[in-house]
């Protein structure tokens, strides 16, 4: 996987180092020279000194072939512009951004940019979304025997119809923890329904992930 990261500060360096350690190709675009030098000294990544809000530097980073673009600066405005450029000018299908101000989360989400506030979760999203598909690993428990996973229900054409949670054919070993529906958090109980666009968080074991994915997405 090829990842372009905008911002080489503490978070950008952490993610770059983590992705390289996992065997991925990474380029970082950072405008402060001292940070670029530190990145070159500490990581095995291509570092471009420049502003990620400028198309010229994204071209140098070959953003057009990136599998995912990640913005990690401490300025939400810069992160938004960089992600929009990556998506619109270079056709990057997936953009993930650090969001520093909670009220901006909805703006990023509406523009198709995945807003994240946790450095660790950004790395998990990068590593696991591409290896498994729709299912995202949030964390592992009990030495990997139990996983906390998230899956977003499609809301476009062909999306499954609303379904009562109690009628879902989920394994007994899988526990539905929460449903995020926009700004609303639904604790699944009683007659709660699963709707298109919902983000579902579950506790499960790795061997049940394929079955859970099929059930939640309405596949046979």
Protein backbone atom coordinates (compact mmCIF):
# COMPACT_ATOMS: atom_id res chain seq x y z
CA UNK A 1 0.00 0.00 0.00
CA UNK A 2 1.22 3.52 -0.83
CA UNK A 3 0.43 6.24 1.74
CA UNK A 4 0.98 9.99 1.38
CA UNK A 5 1.05 11.88 4.68
CA UNK A 6 0.59 15.65 4.97
CA UNK A 7 2.44 16.85 8.05
CA UNK A 8 5.66 15.58 9.58
CA UNK A 9 5.10 16.53 13.20
CA UNK A 10 4.83 14.10 16.08
CA UNK A 11 1.69 12.39 14.74
CA UNK A 12 2.91 12.29 11.13
CA UNK A 13 6.23 10.75 12.20
CA UNK A 14 4.50 8.15 14.34
CA UNK A 15 2.20 7.04 11.54
CA UNK A 16 4.98 7.08 8.94
CA UNK A 17 7.23 4.94 11.13
CA UNK A 18 4.37 2.56 11.94
CA UNK A 19 3.39 2.10 8.30
CA UNK A 20 7.00 1.54 7.16
CA UNK A 21 7.52 -1.03 9.93
CA UNK A 22 4.48 -2.89 8.55
CA UNK A 23 5.97 -2.97 5.05
CA UNK A 24 4.11 -0.11 3.38
CA UNK A 25 5.52 2.65 1.15
CA UNK A 26 5.21 6.15 2.62
CA UNK A 27 5.87 9.71 1.47
CA UNK A 28 5.60 12.67 3.86
CA UNK A 29 5.03 16.27 2.76
CA UNK A 30 6.21 18.73 5.44
CA UNK A 31 6.88 22.45 5.11
CA UNK A 32 9.25 22.94 8.08
CA UNK A 33 12.85 22.12 7.16
CA UNK A 34 13.92 20.94 10.63
CA UNK A 35 11.10 18.41 10.72
CA UNK A 36 12.07 17.13 7.28
CA UNK A 37 15.63 16.57 8.50
CA UNK A 38 14.35 14.71 11.55
CA UNK A 39 12.11 12.51 9.39
CA UNK A 40 15.00 11.63 7.09
CA UNK A 41 17.18 10.77 10.10
CA UNK A 42 14.54 8.69 11.91
CA UNK A 43 12.52 6.98 9.17
CA UNK A 44 12.93 5.20 5.87
CA UNK A 45 10.44 7.37 3.99
CA UNK A 46 10.58 9.80 1.11
CA UNK A 47 10.31 13.33 2.54
CA UNK A 48 9.28 16.35 0.47
CA UNK A 49 9.79 19.82 1.92
CA UNK A 50 6.75 21.85 0.95
CA UNK A 51 3.14 22.77 1.67
CA UNK A 52 0.65 19.91 1.21
CA UNK A 53 -1.97 22.55 0.34
CA UNK A 54 0.03 23.28 -2.82
CA UNK A 55 -0.61 21.01 -5.82
CA UNK A 56 3.06 21.18 -6.86
CA UNK A 57 4.25 19.28 -3.79
CA UNK A 58 1.46 16.72 -3.98
CA UNK A 59 2.56 16.08 -7.56
CA UNK A 60 6.12 15.49 -6.37
CA UNK A 61 4.75 12.97 -3.87
CA UNK A 62 2.99 11.10 -6.73
CA UNK A 63 -0.30 11.46 -4.90
CA UNK A 64 -2.09 10.22 -8.01
CA UNK A 65 -0.97 6.67 -7.23
CA UNK A 66 -1.65 6.81 -3.49
CA UNK A 67 -4.00 4.23 -2.01
CA UNK A 68 -4.78 6.60 0.84
CA UNK A 69 -3.99 10.19 1.81
CA UNK A 70 -3.57 11.16 5.47
CA UNK A 71 -3.51 14.73 6.84
CA UNK A 72 -1.99 15.09 10.31
CA UNK A 73 -1.26 18.78 10.86
CA UNK A 74 -2.55 20.73 13.87
CA UNK A 75 -4.58 23.03 11.58
CA UNK A 76 -7.98 21.67 10.53
CA UNK A 77 -8.18 24.15 7.62
CA UNK A 78 -4.90 22.88 6.16
CA UNK A 79 -5.94 19.26 6.63
CA UNK A 80 -9.23 19.90 4.87
CA UNK A 81 -7.63 21.65 1.89
CA UNK A 82 -4.94 18.98 1.51
CA UNK A 83 -7.47 16.14 1.62
CA UNK A 84 -9.75 17.88 -0.86
CA UNK A 85 -6.85 18.39 -3.27
CA UNK A 86 -5.86 14.74 -2.94
CA UNK A 87 -9.40 13.58 -3.69
CA UNK A 88 -10.38 16.07 -6.41
CA UNK A 89 -7.10 16.82 -8.20
CA UNK A 90 -5.43 13.42 -7.86
CA UNK A 91 -8.37 11.04 -7.60
CA UNK A 92 -7.36 9.50 -4.26
CA UNK A 93 -10.32 7.38 -3.21
CA UNK A 94 -9.65 7.46 0.51
CA UNK A 95 -8.64 10.39 2.68
CA UNK A 96 -8.20 10.28 6.46
CA UNK A 97 -7.65 13.40 8.51
CA UNK A 98 -6.71 14.35 12.03
CA UNK A 99 -9.42 16.68 13.36
CA UNK A 100 -8.35 18.95 16.20
CA UNK A 101 -11.67 20.70 16.87
CA UNK A 102 -14.63 18.37 17.56
CA UNK A 103 -17.16 20.70 15.91
CA UNK A 104 -15.35 20.21 12.57
CA UNK A 105 -15.88 16.45 12.49
CA UNK A 106 -19.23 16.77 10.71
CA UNK A 107 -17.74 19.01 8.00
CA UNK A 108 -15.02 16.49 7.18
CA UNK A 109 -17.51 13.62 7.22
CA UNK A 110 -19.87 15.38 4.82
CA UNK A 111 -17.02 15.96 2.38
CA UNK A 112 -16.13 12.28 2.33
CA UNK A 113 -13.02 12.66 4.49
CA UNK A 114 -12.69 10.24 7.41
CA UNK A 115 -12.20 12.34 10.57
CA UNK A 116 -10.05 10.77 13.27
CA UNK A 117 -8.70 12.17 16.53
CA UNK A 118 -6.61 9.18 17.66
CA UNK A 119 -3.12 8.59 16.22
CA UNK A 120 -3.31 4.89 16.98
CA UNK A 121 -6.68 4.57 15.30
CA UNK A 122 -5.36 6.21 12.12
CA UNK A 123 -2.70 3.51 11.89
CA UNK A 124 -5.26 0.79 12.60
CA UNK A 125 -7.55 2.17 9.89
CA UNK A 126 -4.71 2.19 7.35
CA UNK A 127 -3.46 -1.30 8.16
CA UNK A 128 -6.72 -3.16 8.63
CA UNK A 129 -9.21 -1.50 6.29
CA UNK A 130 -7.20 -2.52 3.25
CA UNK A 131 -6.42 -6.07 4.42
CA UNK A 132 -9.91 -7.07 5.45
CA UNK A 133 -12.32 -4.92 3.44
CA UNK A 134 -15.30 -3.31 5.07
CA UNK A 135 -14.37 -4.46 8.55
CA UNK A 136 -12.11 -2.17 10.60
CA UNK A 137 -10.14 -3.44 13.61
CA UNK A 138 -10.16 -0.92 16.44
CA UNK A 139 -8.19 -2.99 18.97
CA UNK A 140 -7.46 -6.54 20.08
CA UNK A 141 -8.05 -8.03 23.53
CA UNK A 142 -6.98 -11.17 25.36
CA UNK A 143 -3.92 -11.74 23.20
CA UNK A 144 -5.85 -11.45 19.94
CA UNK A 145 -8.61 -13.90 20.88
CA UNK A 146 -11.17 -11.08 20.97
CA UNK A 147 -11.40 -8.05 18.68
CA UNK A 148 -13.27 -4.77 18.82
CA UNK A 149 -14.35 -4.12 15.23
CA UNK A 150 -16.33 -1.50 13.35
CA UNK A 151 -18.30 -1.76 10.13
CA UNK A 152 -20.17 0.96 8.28
CA UNK A 153 -23.43 -0.10 6.64
CA UNK A 154 -23.66 1.17 3.02
CA UNK A 155 -26.23 3.89 2.41
CA UNK A 156 -26.13 4.14 -1.37
CA UNK A 157 -27.78 2.07 -4.12
CA UNK A 158 -28.07 -1.56 -3.12
CA UNK A 159 -27.81 -0.81 0.59
CA UNK A 160 -29.60 -3.27 2.88
CA UNK A 161 -33.04 -2.25 4.15
CA UNK A 162 -33.58 -1.21 7.80
CA UNK A 163 -33.57 -4.33 9.99
CA UNK A 164 -34.52 -4.98 13.61
CA UNK A 165 -31.39 -5.89 15.57
CA UNK A 166 -33.17 -8.76 17.30
CA UNK A 167 -33.76 -10.44 13.93
CA UNK A 168 -30.13 -10.30 12.77
CA UNK A 169 -28.61 -13.76 12.50
CA UNK A 170 -25.50 -12.92 14.53
CA UNK A 171 -23.48 -15.57 16.40
CA UNK A 172 -24.03 -15.72 20.15
CA UNK A 173 -20.29 -15.13 20.59
CA UNK A 174 -20.56 -11.71 18.91
CA UNK A 175 -21.70 -8.74 21.00
CA UNK A 176 -23.13 -5.61 19.39
CA UNK A 177 -21.68 -2.81 21.53
CA UNK A 178 -22.93 0.42 19.95
CA UNK A 179 -24.33 2.01 16.80
CA UNK A 180 -23.18 5.46 15.70
CA UNK A 181 -25.79 7.27 13.60
CA UNK A 182 -24.54 10.74 12.73
CA UNK A 183 -24.17 12.57 16.03
CA UNK A 184 -26.38 10.01 17.80
CA UNK A 185 -25.09 7.00 19.72
CA UNK A 186 -27.55 4.11 19.89
CA UNK A 187 -27.14 1.45 22.57
CA UNK A 188 -28.61 -1.65 20.86
CA UNK A 189 -31.47 -3.07 22.88
CA UNK A 190 -35.14 -3.97 22.46
CA UNK A 191 -36.62 -2.84 19.15
CA UNK A 192 -33.61 -0.87 17.89
CA UNK A 193 -33.04 -1.05 14.14
CA UNK A 194 -29.95 -1.19 11.94
CA UNK A 195 -30.19 1.52 9.26
CA UNK A 196 -28.21 2.31 6.09
CA UNK A 197 -25.24 4.53 6.98
CA UNK A 198 -24.97 3.23 10.55
CA UNK A 199 -21.52 2.56 12.00
CA UNK A 200 -21.64 -0.65 14.03
CA UNK A 201 -19.13 -1.52 16.76
CA UNK A 202 -18.91 -5.15 17.91
CA UNK A 203 -16.86 -7.47 20.09
CA UNK A 204 -16.11 -10.76 18.39
CA UNK A 205 -13.50 -13.42 17.69
CA UNK A 206 -11.41 -13.37 14.51
CA UNK A 207 -12.93 -16.58 13.14
CA UNK A 208 -16.42 -15.04 13.13
CA UNK A 209 -15.52 -11.86 11.26
CA UNK A 210 -16.50 -13.08 7.79
CA UNK A 211 -19.91 -14.24 9.01
CA UNK A 212 -20.54 -10.99 10.88
CA UNK A 213 -19.60 -8.93 7.83
CA UNK A 214 -21.99 -10.87 5.59
CA UNK A 215 -24.84 -10.60 8.12
CA UNK A 216 -24.44 -6.87 8.75
CA UNK A 217 -24.16 -6.09 5.04
CA UNK A 218 -27.25 -8.19 4.26
CA UNK A 219 -25.40 -10.79 2.20
CA UNK A 220 -26.19 -14.48 2.13
